[in-house]
Structures are given as structure tokens and as C-alpha cells.
C-alpha atoms as a PDB file:
ATOM      1  CA  MET A   1      16.303   0.715  19.796  1.00  0.00           C
ATOM      2  CA  THR A   2      20.021   1.281  18.777  1.00  0.00           C
ATOM      3  CA  GLU A   3      20.555  -0.660  16.367  1.00  0.00           C
ATOM      4  CA  LEU A   4      18.833  -0.753  13.151  1.00  0.00           C
ATOM      5  CA  PRO A   5      18.424  -4.253  11.062  1.00  0.00           C
ATOM      6  CA  ARG A   6      20.792  -4.366   7.612  1.00  0.00           C
ATOM      7  CA  GLY A   7      17.670  -4.204   5.570  1.00  0.00           C
ATOM      8  CA  VAL A   8      16.422  -0.706   6.486  1.00  0.00           C
ATOM      9  CA  LEU A   9      20.359   0.664   6.446  1.00  0.00           C
ATOM     10  CA  ALA A  10      20.860  -0.800   3.284  1.00  0.00           C
ATOM     11  CA  MET A  11      17.540   1.148   1.293  1.00  0.00           C
ATOM     12  CA  MET A  12      20.458   4.543   2.355  1.00  0.00           C
ATOM     13  CA  ALA A  13      21.698   3.565  -1.071  1.00  0.00           C
ATOM     14  CA  ARG A  14      18.652   4.739  -2.775  1.00  0.00           C
ATOM     15  CA  GLY A  15      19.445   8.379  -2.275  1.00  0.00           C
ATOM     16  CA  PRO A  16      19.699  11.327  -0.152  1.00  0.00           C
ATOM     17  CA  GLU A  17      15.626  11.102   1.168  1.00  0.00           C
ATOM     18  CA  TRP A  18      16.594   7.348   2.420  1.00  0.00           C
ATOM     19  CA  VAL A  19      20.019   8.689   4.143  1.00  0.00           C
ATOM     20  CA  ALA A  20      18.058  11.354   5.657  1.00  0.00           C
ATOM     21  CA  TRP A  21      14.900   9.235   6.137  1.00  0.00           C
ATOM     22  CA  VAL A  22      17.155   6.451   7.866  1.00  0.00           C
ATOM     23  CA  ASP A  23      19.479   8.829   9.748  1.00  0.00           C
ATOM     24  CA  GLU A  24      16.145   9.743  11.601  1.00  0.00           C
ATOM     25  CA  LEU A  25      14.821   6.418  12.496  1.00  0.00           C
ATOM     26  CA  PRO A  26      16.316   5.778  15.958  1.00  0.00           C
ATOM     27  CA  THR A  27      14.810   9.394  17.203  1.00  0.00           C
ATOM     28  CA  VAL A  28      11.894   8.736  15.571  1.00  0.00           C
ATOM     29  CA  ALA A  29      10.958   5.514  16.827  1.00  0.00           C
ATOM     30  CA  GLN A  30      12.293   6.301  20.667  1.00  0.00           C
ATOM     31  CA  ARG A  31       9.928   9.124  20.690  1.00  0.00           C
ATOM     32  CA  LEU A  32       7.135   7.583  19.830  1.00  0.00           C
ATOM     33  CA  LEU A  33       7.947   4.532  21.970  1.00  0.00           C
ATOM     34  CA  ALA A  34       7.742   7.273  24.738  1.00  0.00           C
ATOM     35  CA  GLU A  35       4.546   9.144  23.463  1.00  0.00           C
ATOM     36  CA  TRP A  36       2.968   5.799  23.434  1.00  0.00           C
ATOM     37  CA  THR A  37       3.769   4.267  26.189  1.00  0.00           C
ATOM     38  CA  VAL A  38       5.222   0.976  24.427  1.00  0.00           C
ATOM     39  CA  ARG A  39       7.993  -1.138  24.400  1.00  0.00           C
ATOM     40  CA  PRO A  40      10.134  -3.063  22.447  1.00  0.00           C
ATOM     41  CA  ASP A  41       9.471  -6.934  22.511  1.00  0.00           C
ATOM     42  CA  GLY A  42      12.133  -8.760  20.266  1.00  0.00           C
ATOM     43  CA  PRO A  43      14.493  -7.277  17.455  1.00  0.00           C
ATOM     44  CA  ALA A  44      13.366  -5.176  14.704  1.00  0.00           C
ATOM     45  CA  THR A  45      12.705  -6.265  11.443  1.00  0.00           C
ATOM     46  CA  HIS A  46      11.529  -4.341   8.046  1.00  0.00           C
ATOM     47  CA  GLY A  47       9.248  -4.320   4.947  1.00  0.00           C
ATOM     48  CA  ALA A  48      10.349  -2.861   1.616  1.00  0.00           C
ATOM     49  CA  CYS A  49      10.092   0.801   2.968  1.00  0.00           C
ATOM     50  CA  SER A  50       9.472   0.244   6.627  1.00  0.00           C
ATOM     51  CA  LEU A  51      10.926  -0.679   9.657  1.00  0.00           C
ATOM     52  CA  VAL A  52       8.817  -2.779  11.503  1.00  0.00           C
ATOM     53  CA  LEU A  53       9.410  -3.066  15.420  1.00  0.00           C
ATOM     54  CA  PRO A  54       7.538  -5.417  18.419  1.00  0.00           C
ATOM     55  CA  VAL A  55       6.550  -4.237  20.812  1.00  0.00           C
ATOM     56  CA  ARG A  56       4.607  -4.560  23.874  1.00  0.00           C
ATOM     57  CA  THR A  57       1.210  -1.891  25.361  1.00  0.00           C
ATOM     58  CA  HIS A  58       0.880   0.077  28.438  1.00  0.00           C
ATOM     59  CA  ASP A  59      -1.337  -3.304  29.296  1.00  0.00           C
ATOM     60  CA  GLY A  60       1.223  -5.820  27.933  1.00  0.00           C
ATOM     61  CA  ASP A  61      -0.781  -6.568  24.651  1.00  0.00           C
ATOM     62  CA  PRO A  62       1.335  -7.902  21.908  1.00  0.00           C
ATOM     63  CA  ALA A  63       1.472  -5.031  19.060  1.00  0.00           C
ATOM     64  CA  VAL A  64       3.549  -3.798  16.251  1.00  0.00           C
ATOM     65  CA  LEU A  65       5.675  -0.083  16.122  1.00  0.00           C
ATOM     66  CA  LYS A  66       5.499   0.273  11.832  1.00  0.00           C
ATOM     67  CA  ILE A  67       7.486   3.241  10.371  1.00  0.00           C
ATOM     68  CA  SER A  68       7.191   4.195   7.026  1.00  0.00           C
ATOM     69  CA  PHE A  69       9.073   6.208   4.182  1.00  0.00           C
ATOM     70  CA  PRO A  70       6.991   9.032   3.817  1.00  0.00           C
ATOM     71  CA  ASP A  71       5.949   8.479   0.194  1.00  0.00           C
ATOM     72  CA  ALA A  72       2.932   8.310  -1.583  1.00  0.00           C
ATOM     73  CA  GLU A  73       2.321   5.374  -1.340  1.00  0.00           C
ATOM     74  CA  SER A  74       2.428   4.925   2.125  1.00  0.00           C
ATOM     75  CA  GLU A  75       0.340   8.741   3.104  1.00  0.00           C
ATOM     76  CA  HIS A  76      -3.268   7.182   3.579  1.00  0.00           C
ATOM     77  CA  GLU A  77      -2.370   3.553   4.754  1.00  0.00           C
ATOM     78  CA  HIS A  78      -4.012   4.698   8.025  1.00  0.00           C
ATOM     79  CA  LEU A  79      -7.515   5.640   6.587  1.00  0.00           C
ATOM     80  CA  ALA A  80      -7.733   2.419   4.842  1.00  0.00           C
ATOM     81  CA  LEU A  81      -6.827   0.293   7.500  1.00  0.00           C
ATOM     82  CA  GLN A  82      -9.356   2.552   9.717  1.00  0.00           C
ATOM     83  CA  ARG A  83     -11.807   1.793   7.413  1.00  0.00           C
ATOM     84  CA  TRP A  84     -11.634  -1.652   7.016  1.00  0.00           C
ATOM     85  CA  GLY A  85     -11.935  -1.741  11.332  1.00  0.00           C
ATOM     86  CA  GLY A  86     -10.021  -4.771  11.629  1.00  0.00           C
ATOM     87  CA  ALA A  87     -12.514  -6.551   9.192  1.00  0.00           C
ATOM     88  CA  GLY A  88      -9.871  -8.685   6.739  1.00  0.00           C
ATOM     89  CA  ALA A  89      -7.222  -6.516   7.561  1.00  0.00           C
ATOM     90  CA  VAL A  90      -4.589  -5.785  10.158  1.00  0.00           C
ATOM     91  CA  ARG A  91      -6.339  -3.905  12.931  1.00  0.00           C
ATOM     92  CA  LEU A  92      -4.739  -0.473  13.398  1.00  0.00           C
ATOM     93  CA  LEU A  93      -4.257   0.490  17.489  1.00  0.00           C
ATOM     94  CA  ARG A  94      -3.031   3.902  16.901  1.00  0.00           C
ATOM     95  CA  ALA A  95      -1.542   6.668  13.851  1.00  0.00           C
ATOM     96  CA  GLU A  96       0.600   9.512  13.883  1.00  0.00           C
ATOM     97  CA  PRO A  97       0.563   9.713   9.813  1.00  0.00           C
ATOM     98  CA  ARG A  98       2.471  12.864   9.852  1.00  0.00           C
ATOM     99  CA  ARG A  99       5.716  10.715  10.910  1.00  0.00           C
ATOM    100  CA  ARG A 100       3.961   8.284   8.639  1.00  0.00           C
ATOM    101  CA  ALA A 101       3.617   6.000  12.074  1.00  0.00           C
ATOM    102  CA  LEU A 102       1.175   3.251  12.777  1.00  0.00           C
ATOM    103  CA  LEU A 103       0.487   0.942  16.136  1.00  0.00           C
ATOM    104  CA  LEU A 104      -1.056  -2.579  14.624  1.00  0.00           C
ATOM    105  CA  GLU A 105      -2.190  -5.688  16.152  1.00  0.00           C
ATOM    106  CA  ARG A 106       0.629  -8.493  16.316  1.00  0.00           C
ATOM    107  CA  LEU A 107      -0.075 -10.937  13.772  1.00  0.00           C
ATOM    108  CA  ARG A 108       2.096 -14.473  13.285  1.00  0.00           C
ATOM    109  CA  PRO A 109       4.897 -15.255  10.644  1.00  0.00           C
ATOM    110  CA  GLY A 110       3.000 -17.561   8.663  1.00  0.00           C
ATOM    111  CA  ASN A 111       2.355 -15.979   5.269  1.00  0.00           C
ATOM    112  CA  LEU A 112       0.180 -17.005   1.649  1.00  0.00           C
ATOM    113  CA  ASN A 113       3.468 -18.338   0.682  1.00  0.00           C
ATOM    114  CA  ALA A 114       2.935 -21.860   2.217  1.00  0.00           C
ATOM    115  CA  PRO A 115      -0.182 -22.775   0.592  1.00  0.00           C
ATOM    116  CA  ALA A 116      -0.530 -23.863  -2.796  1.00  0.00           C
ATOM    117  CA  ASP A 117      -0.881 -21.163  -4.970  1.00  0.00           C
ATOM    118  CA  VAL A 118      -5.053 -22.465  -5.679  1.00  0.00           C
ATOM    119  CA  GLU A 119      -5.594 -22.123  -1.848  1.00  0.00           C
ATOM    120  CA  ALA A 120      -3.723 -19.144  -1.134  1.00  0.00           C
ATOM    121  CA  CYS A 121      -5.492 -17.523  -4.476  1.00  0.00           C
ATOM    122  CA  GLN A 122      -8.836 -18.288  -2.986  1.00  0.00           C
ATOM    123  CA  ILE A 123      -8.141 -16.777   0.062  1.00  0.00           C
ATOM    124  CA  VAL A 124      -7.230 -13.742  -1.080  1.00  0.00           C
ATOM    125  CA  ALA A 125     -10.214 -14.159  -3.389  1.00  0.00           C
ATOM    126  CA  GLY A 126     -12.468 -14.216  -0.536  1.00  0.00           C
ATOM    127  CA  LEU A 127     -10.422 -11.313   1.467  1.00  0.00           C
ATOM    128  CA  TYR A 128     -10.948  -8.956  -1.498  1.00  0.00           C
ATOM    129  CA  ARG A 129     -14.746  -9.056  -1.073  1.00  0.00           C
ATOM    130  CA  ARG A 130     -14.274  -7.707   2.647  1.00  0.00           C
ATOM    131  CA  LEU A 131     -11.489  -5.111   1.425  1.00  0.00           C
ATOM    132  CA  HIS A 132     -13.349  -3.573  -1.453  1.00  0.00           C
ATOM    133  CA  VAL A 133     -15.912  -1.179   0.246  1.00  0.00           C
ATOM    134  CA  PRO A 134     -17.364   1.934  -0.814  1.00  0.00           C
ATOM    135  CA  ALA A 135     -14.391   4.570  -1.786  1.00  0.00           C
ATOM    136  CA  LEU A 136     -13.685   7.061   0.458  1.00  0.00           C
ATOM    137  CA  PRO A 137     -13.013  10.683  -0.774  1.00  0.00           C
ATOM    138  CA  GLN A 138      -9.316  11.446   0.582  1.00  0.00           C
ATOM    139  CA  LEU A 139      -7.791   8.252  -1.345  1.00  0.00           C
ATOM    140  CA  ARG A 140      -6.117   8.998  -4.675  1.00  0.00           C
ATOM    141  CA  THR A 141      -7.720   7.378  -7.244  1.00  0.00           C
ATOM    142  CA  LEU A 142      -6.321   4.769  -9.602  1.00  0.00           C
ATOM    143  CA  THR A 143      -7.122   6.364 -12.696  1.00  0.00           C
ATOM    144  CA  SER A 144      -5.000   9.179 -11.817  1.00  0.00           C
ATOM    145  CA  TYR A 145      -1.779   6.724 -12.259  1.00  0.00           C
ATOM    146  CA  VAL A 146      -3.021   4.425 -14.836  1.00  0.00           C
ATOM    147  CA  GLU A 147      -3.896   7.729 -17.439  1.00  0.00           C
ATOM    148  CA  HIS A 148      -0.364   9.481 -17.178  1.00  0.00           C
ATOM    149  CA  GLU A 149       1.446   5.562 -17.568  1.00  0.00           C
ATOM    150  CA  THR A 150      -1.054   4.940 -20.657  1.00  0.00           C
ATOM    151  CA  ASP A 151      -0.014   8.180 -21.254  1.00  0.00           C
ATOM    152  CA  ASP A 152       3.720   7.291 -21.505  1.00  0.00           C
ATOM    153  CA  LEU A 153       2.954   3.768 -23.226  1.00  0.00           C
ATOM    154  CA  ALA A 154       1.263   4.850 -26.134  1.00  0.00           C
ATOM    155  CA  ALA A 155       4.067   6.930 -26.236  1.00  0.00           C
ATOM    156  CA  LEU A 156       6.316   3.810 -26.277  1.00  0.00           C
ATOM    157  CA  ALA A 157       9.019   3.609 -28.991  1.00  0.00           C
ATOM    158  CA  ARG A 158       7.619   0.650 -31.616  1.00  0.00           C
ATOM    159  CA  SER A 159      11.358  -0.882 -31.749  1.00  0.00           C
ATOM    160  CA  ALA A 160      10.754  -1.084 -27.616  1.00  0.00           C
ATOM    161  CA  PRO A 161      10.991  -5.086 -27.227  1.00  0.00           C
ATOM    162  CA  ILE A 162       7.325  -5.306 -26.132  1.00  0.00           C
ATOM    163  CA  PRO A 163       4.647  -6.666 -28.411  1.00  0.00           C
ATOM    164  CA  ARG A 164       3.254  -4.227 -30.440  1.00  0.00           C
ATOM    165  CA  ARG A 165       0.153  -5.902 -30.508  1.00  0.00           C
ATOM    166  CA  LEU A 166       0.317  -5.746 -26.170  1.00  0.00           C
ATOM    167  CA  VAL A 167       1.668  -1.835 -26.235  1.00  0.00           C
ATOM    168  CA  GLU A 168      -1.733  -1.605 -27.993  1.00  0.00           C
ATOM    169  CA  GLN A 169      -4.435  -3.151 -26.319  1.00  0.00           C
ATOM    170  CA  ALA A 170      -2.861  -2.095 -23.065  1.00  0.00           C
ATOM    171  CA  THR A 171      -3.153   1.419 -24.262  1.00  0.00           C
ATOM    172  CA  ALA A 172      -6.656   1.047 -25.562  1.00  0.00           C
ATOM    173  CA  PHE A 173      -8.355  -1.066 -21.865  1.00  0.00           C
ATOM    174  CA  GLY A 174      -6.240   1.426 -19.888  1.00  0.00           C
ATOM    175  CA  ARG A 175      -8.392   4.278 -21.908  1.00  0.00           C
ATOM    176  CA  ASP A 176     -11.766   2.235 -21.616  1.00  0.00           C
ATOM    177  CA  LEU A 177     -11.414   1.337 -18.110  1.00  0.00           C
ATOM    178  CA  ILE A 178     -10.202   5.730 -17.102  1.00  0.00           C
ATOM    179  CA  SER A 179     -13.258   6.689 -18.729  1.00  0.00           C
ATOM    180  CA  ASP A 180     -15.802   3.912 -17.025  1.00  0.00           C
ATOM    181  CA  GLN A 181     -16.863   5.434 -12.964  1.00  0.00           C
ATOM    182  CA  ALA A 182     -16.692   1.671 -11.927  1.00  0.00           C
ATOM    183  CA  SER A 183     -12.878   2.310 -11.936  1.00  0.00           C
ATOM    184  CA  THR A 184     -12.467   4.531  -8.719  1.00  0.00           C
ATOM    185  CA  GLY A 185     -15.850   2.711  -6.923  1.00  0.00           C
ATOM    186  CA  ARG A 186     -14.218   0.429  -4.453  1.00  0.00           C
ATOM    187  CA  ILE A 187     -10.917   0.915  -1.947  1.00  0.00           C
ATOM    188  CA  ILE A 188      -8.569  -1.574  -3.031  1.00  0.00           C
ATOM    189  CA  HIS A 189      -5.326  -2.622  -1.389  1.00  0.00           C
ATOM    190  CA  GLY A 190      -2.861  -1.987  -4.079  1.00  0.00           C
ATOM    191  CA  ASP A 191      -0.257  -4.653  -3.576  1.00  0.00           C
ATOM    192  CA  LEU A 192      -2.156  -7.974  -2.349  1.00  0.00           C
ATOM    193  CA  HIS A 193      -0.318 -10.600  -2.607  1.00  0.00           C
ATOM    194  CA  TYR A 194       1.189 -13.668  -1.237  1.00  0.00           C
ATOM    195  CA  GLU A 195       3.240 -12.003   1.464  1.00  0.00           C
ATOM    196  CA  ASN A 196       0.825  -9.488   2.623  1.00  0.00           C
ATOM    197  CA  VAL A 197      -1.502 -11.999   4.068  1.00  0.00           C
ATOM    198  CA  LEU A 198      -0.480 -13.067   7.217  1.00  0.00           C
ATOM    199  CA  ALA A 199      -1.979 -15.714   9.630  1.00  0.00           C
ATOM    200  CA  ALA A 200      -3.498 -14.264  13.080  1.00  0.00           C
ATOM    201  CA  ASP A 201      -5.421 -15.400  15.895  1.00  0.00           C
ATOM    202  CA  ARG A 202      -8.630 -13.931  15.886  1.00  0.00           C
ATOM    203  CA  GLU A 203      -8.747 -14.645  12.368  1.00  0.00           C
ATOM    204  CA  PRO A 204      -6.852 -16.933   9.723  1.00  0.00           C
ATOM    205  CA  TRP A 205      -5.956 -14.489   7.505  1.00  0.00           C
ATOM    206  CA  LEU A 206      -5.725 -10.949   7.676  1.00  0.00           C
ATOM    207  CA  VAL A 207      -3.944  -8.424   4.987  1.00  0.00           C
ATOM    208  CA  ILE A 208      -0.960  -6.174   6.215  1.00  0.00           C
ATOM    209  CA  ASP A 209       0.489  -3.330   4.286  1.00  0.00           C
ATOM    210  CA  PRO A 210      -1.928  -1.388   1.924  1.00  0.00           C
ATOM    211  CA  LYS A 211      -1.557   0.701  -0.908  1.00  0.00           C
ATOM    212  CA  PRO A 212      -4.925   1.988  -0.894  1.00  0.00           C
ATOM    213  CA  MET A 213      -6.478   3.746  -3.431  1.00  0.00           C
ATOM    214  CA  ASN A 214      -9.813   4.694  -4.865  1.00  0.00           C
ATOM    215  CA  GLY A 215     -10.519   1.771  -7.591  1.00  0.00           C
ATOM    216  CA  ASP A 216     -11.537  -1.517  -9.660  1.00  0.00           C
ATOM    217  CA  PRO A 217     -11.760  -4.586  -7.690  1.00  0.00           C
ATOM    218  CA  HIS A 218     -10.556  -5.848 -10.845  1.00  0.00           C
ATOM    219  CA  TYR A 219      -7.182  -4.357 -10.725  1.00  0.00           C
ATOM    220  CA  GLU A 220      -6.116  -6.443  -7.502  1.00  0.00           C
ATOM    221  CA  LEU A 221      -5.207  -9.516  -9.298  1.00  0.00           C
ATOM    222  CA  ALA A 222      -2.030  -8.872 -10.885  1.00  0.00           C
ATOM    223  CA  PRO A 223       0.594  -9.464  -8.074  1.00  0.00           C
ATOM    224  CA  MET A 224      -1.134 -12.543  -7.156  1.00  0.00           C
ATOM    225  CA  LEU A 225       0.247 -14.006 -10.941  1.00  0.00           C
ATOM    226  CA  TRP A 226       3.542 -12.242 -11.126  1.00  0.00           C
ATOM    227  CA  ASN A 227       4.569 -13.372  -7.438  1.00  0.00           C
ATOM    228  CA  ARG A 228       5.683 -16.827  -6.617  1.00  0.00           C
ATOM    229  CA  TRP A 229       7.106 -16.661 -10.544  1.00  0.00           C
ATOM    230  CA  ASP A 230       9.229 -19.719  -9.967  1.00  0.00           C
ATOM    231  CA  GLU A 231       6.968 -22.303  -9.431  1.00  0.00           C
ATOM    232  CA  LEU A 232       5.380 -22.068 -12.625  1.00  0.00           C
ATOM    233  CA  ALA A 233       8.500 -22.850 -14.909  1.00  0.00           C
ATOM    234  CA  GLY A 234       7.580 -26.194 -16.070  1.00  0.00           C
ATOM    235  CA  ASP A 235       3.984 -24.084 -17.476  1.00  0.00           C
ATOM    236  CA  VAL A 236       3.931 -20.577 -17.737  1.00  0.00           C
ATOM    237  CA  ARG A 237       0.962 -20.396 -19.613  1.00  0.00           C
ATOM    238  CA  GLU A 238      -1.138 -23.141 -17.959  1.00  0.00           C
ATOM    239  CA  GLY A 239       0.091 -21.835 -14.063  1.00  0.00           C
ATOM    240  CA  VAL A 240      -0.829 -18.314 -14.727  1.00  0.00           C
ATOM    241  CA  ARG A 241      -4.451 -18.886 -16.339  1.00  0.00           C
ATOM    242  CA  ARG A 242      -5.081 -21.859 -13.154  1.00  0.00           C
ATOM    243  CA  ARG A 243      -4.188 -18.465 -10.382  1.00  0.00           C
ATOM    244  CA  PHE A 244      -6.391 -15.927 -12.812  1.00  0.00           C
ATOM    245  CA  TYR A 245      -9.291 -18.299 -12.803  1.00  0.00           C
ATOM    246  CA  ALA A 246      -8.803 -19.262  -8.976  1.00  0.00           C
ATOM    247  CA  LEU A 247      -9.676 -15.500  -8.122  1.00  0.00           C
ATOM    248  CA  VAL A 248     -12.010 -14.403 -10.394  1.00  0.00           C
ATOM    249  CA  ASP A 249     -14.224 -17.567  -9.962  1.00  0.00           C
ATOM    250  CA  ALA A 250     -14.124 -17.448  -6.257  1.00  0.00           C
ATOM    251  CA  ALA A 251     -14.396 -13.621  -6.008  1.00  0.00           C
ATOM    252  CA  GLY A 252     -17.493 -13.546  -7.900  1.00  0.00           C
ATOM    253  CA  LEU A 253     -15.596 -10.949 -10.995  1.00  0.00           C
ATOM    254  CA  ASP A 254     -15.736 -10.518 -14.595  1.00  0.00           C
ATOM    255  CA  ASP A 255     -12.990 -12.374 -16.569  1.00  0.00           C
ATOM    256  CA  ASP A 256     -12.708  -9.909 -19.175  1.00  0.00           C
ATOM    257  CA  ARG A 257     -12.449  -7.122 -17.250  1.00  0.00           C
ATOM    258  CA  ALA A 258     -10.347  -8.635 -14.950  1.00  0.00           C
ATOM    259  CA  ARG A 259      -8.962  -9.656 -18.165  1.00  0.00           C
ATOM    260  CA  ALA A 260      -7.969  -6.357 -19.687  1.00  0.00           C
ATOM    261  CA  TRP A 261      -6.677  -4.750 -15.928  1.00  0.00           C
ATOM    262  CA  VAL A 262      -3.726  -7.619 -16.263  1.00  0.00           C
ATOM    263  CA  VAL A 263      -2.955  -6.590 -19.437  1.00  0.00           C
ATOM    264  CA  VAL A 264      -2.712  -3.142 -18.211  1.00  0.00           C
ATOM    265  CA  ARG A 265      -0.839  -3.534 -14.573  1.00  0.00           C
ATOM    266  CA  THR A 266       1.295  -6.076 -17.164  1.00  0.00           C
ATOM    267  CA  MET A 267       2.386  -3.465 -19.978  1.00  0.00           C
ATOM    268  CA  HIS A 268       2.753  -1.132 -17.602  1.00  0.00           C
ATOM    269  CA  ASN A 269       4.879  -2.754 -15.412  1.00  0.00           C
ATOM    270  CA  ALA A 270       6.917  -3.485 -18.619  1.00  0.00           C
ATOM    271  CA  MET A 271       7.402   0.236 -19.354  1.00  0.00           C
ATOM    272  CA  TRP A 272       8.819   0.358 -16.259  1.00  0.00           C
ATOM    273  CA  VAL A 273      11.137  -2.070 -16.817  1.00  0.00           C
ATOM    274  CA  LEU A 274      12.144  -0.221 -20.012  1.00  0.00           C
ATOM    275  CA  GLU A 275      13.019   3.180 -17.927  1.00  0.00           C
ATOM    276  CA  GLY A 276      14.940   1.179 -15.548  1.00  0.00           C
ATOM    277  CA  GLY A 277      12.530   0.970 -12.992  1.00  0.00           C
ATOM    278  CA  PRO A 278      12.916  -1.242  -9.188  1.00  0.00           C
ATOM    279  CA  GLN A 279      12.592  -3.970 -10.778  1.00  0.00           C
ATOM    280  CA  ALA A 280      14.923  -3.597 -13.927  1.00  0.00           C
ATOM    281  CA  GLY A 281      15.725  -6.849 -15.749  1.00  0.00           C
ATOM    282  CA  PRO A 282      15.282  -9.082 -19.023  1.00  0.00           C
ATOM    283  CA  GLU A 283      13.180 -11.319 -16.300  1.00  0.00           C
ATOM    284  CA  TRP A 284      11.018  -8.890 -15.372  1.00  0.00           C
ATOM    285  CA  LEU A 285      10.327  -8.174 -18.687  1.00  0.00           C
ATOM    286  CA  THR A 286      10.343 -11.785 -19.852  1.00  0.00           C
ATOM    287  CA  MET A 287       7.477 -12.388 -17.467  1.00  0.00           C
ATOM    288  CA  CYS A 288       5.290  -9.254 -17.883  1.00  0.00           C
ATOM    289  CA  ILE A 289       4.880 -10.116 -21.620  1.00  0.00           C
ATOM    290  CA  SER A 290       4.228 -14.021 -20.430  1.00  0.00           C
ATOM    291  CA  ILE A 291       1.272 -13.053 -18.229  1.00  0.00           C
ATOM    292  CA  ALA A 292      -0.708 -10.327 -20.614  1.00  0.00           C
ATOM    293  CA  LYS A 293      -0.571 -13.464 -23.276  1.00  0.00           C
ATOM    294  CA  ALA A 294      -1.387 -16.523 -21.045  1.00  0.00           C
ATOM    295  CA  VAL A 295      -4.410 -14.550 -19.849  1.00  0.00           C
ATOM    296  CA  GLN A 296      -5.866 -14.017 -22.984  1.00  0.00           C
ATOM    297  CA  ASP A 297      -4.224 -16.885 -25.233  1.00  0.00           C
END
């Protein structure tokens, strides 16, 4: 491999750790190709935090070599994929956790951006049932993240441009959910949205790119509400509620618990926007507030 995609090179702008990682990628990829006896089979692509290289195995089977940035989110991806065993998710063929390297079955390029949003929500709800298996002891807990973020939200200045009612709701919901054992009882994907579900041959749709935690299935809904956001421009409230109830009803989830998690998650995102997080911008702040209101009004 001699050339990295432009999108991977652009990751170097994120800071020195990213520069070091990108600089090492060609060498790491070449070593893995040799060690795993696979050969390149097309141009490299990338995810938000990873290099993705189509390959052929020693037997000629199509596969994908994925090398991720070594952050907390990617640390346990292989454990979730092993646990799922290809049921509703991409099949893991081999893993080298130290180098954040995975050899995966190759899926097709189509994702859930193509179907209508309600149909896509119903497909994802069916995948929820298969992915939300009993927790693994090695995984981090959802509540460990939520506790810290809820404390930060509670300390948010009253002058912050977020309705105080929503801040107080999210803080109260967050503290209640943190103390509930059901909030850590199942493996959750953590970032399950339209583009993280790909078409496949052995099943119609399979999940990719988990950010796994031991958590609560009701936490999963929010990305399905804020992705494909431009499609809701005509009637945000109705669109959000349409998606919300499509997910809840098809997955057999509890309305109130799902609603609470959506409020918590969107208000945490709103707080990150104010702190200059990766998706900072007034449009994200407006979107988070709109979703939190829509699922309750």
C-alpha cells in the first residue's frame, strides 16, 4: 500500500497523536497484509477514525482490513463483534487489538440512507433485538460516561443558550438512569445509525463499526433521529416523532425510558457543542434542542 486516502490524510489536522498514527499507517498496514496473508483488492477507503482496505484472503475470499485510531471507542470493538458472531453484525475473521486491526467479511456498499426513514428505523429496530445480548464484563459501562456528563450538565451556567427546563430534565433523567441496574445490562452498539448498517449477501442488512458498551437498549435511538436531519426540514416535530415511534414500536421498547434517554443524550450533545466539540455549530445546538422537545411535546 503506497497511498492513503485524502480523508485519512486530513485526519492529521486533529492533532499530534493523529499525525503519528497516520504516519505509521502504511507500515502497519503492510505488516498486517503480510502477517495475515491477505492482499489488497481495490483502493483504500476510510471511516471517521479508521483506514479501510479491501483485501482478498489466502483462499481468495473478499474481506476488509480495518485499522482504527487507538482511542477508547475502538478498544473493545473486536469483543462485541466476537460476541455477536455475525448475527446481525459484520463477521469478524481476525483481530489484533493492540494495533486496533480487524479483518472483517466484506459487505456491499449500500446503506440505510436509501430506504424511507420509517422503513430504515424498522430495520434497525429488528437489529436491536439481535445485538442487545447480555453484557460482557470487559466492556466499559454506559453509566460511567453518563455520570460524568450529567455532572457537567448540572453545572452548566444558567446563561447558556439551552432551555433551562431541558437541562434540568436531562440532569434528573440522567441521575435516575445511572442508578438503575438495567442501564448496564446489555451490550449496546453506541453509534447505530443509517450509515452503520450495510447491505450484505448472507443477510439483507448487517451492522458495522460498533462503539460497544454495557448499557441500556433504549440509549440507542438518538442517532436515528439526528441523522438524515435535512429530510425533516418540512416538519421537524412530526418527523422526529415518526422515527421515534417506529423504533420504539418495532423493537418493543418502553416509550418513557426511550424518551428519557433521548433527552439525556441530546442535551449532552448540546453541551458538547457549547464546549466546542467535534460537531460544534449553531445548527447542531438547534437540532439537539428540537429533538428533545419533539419527543416530549
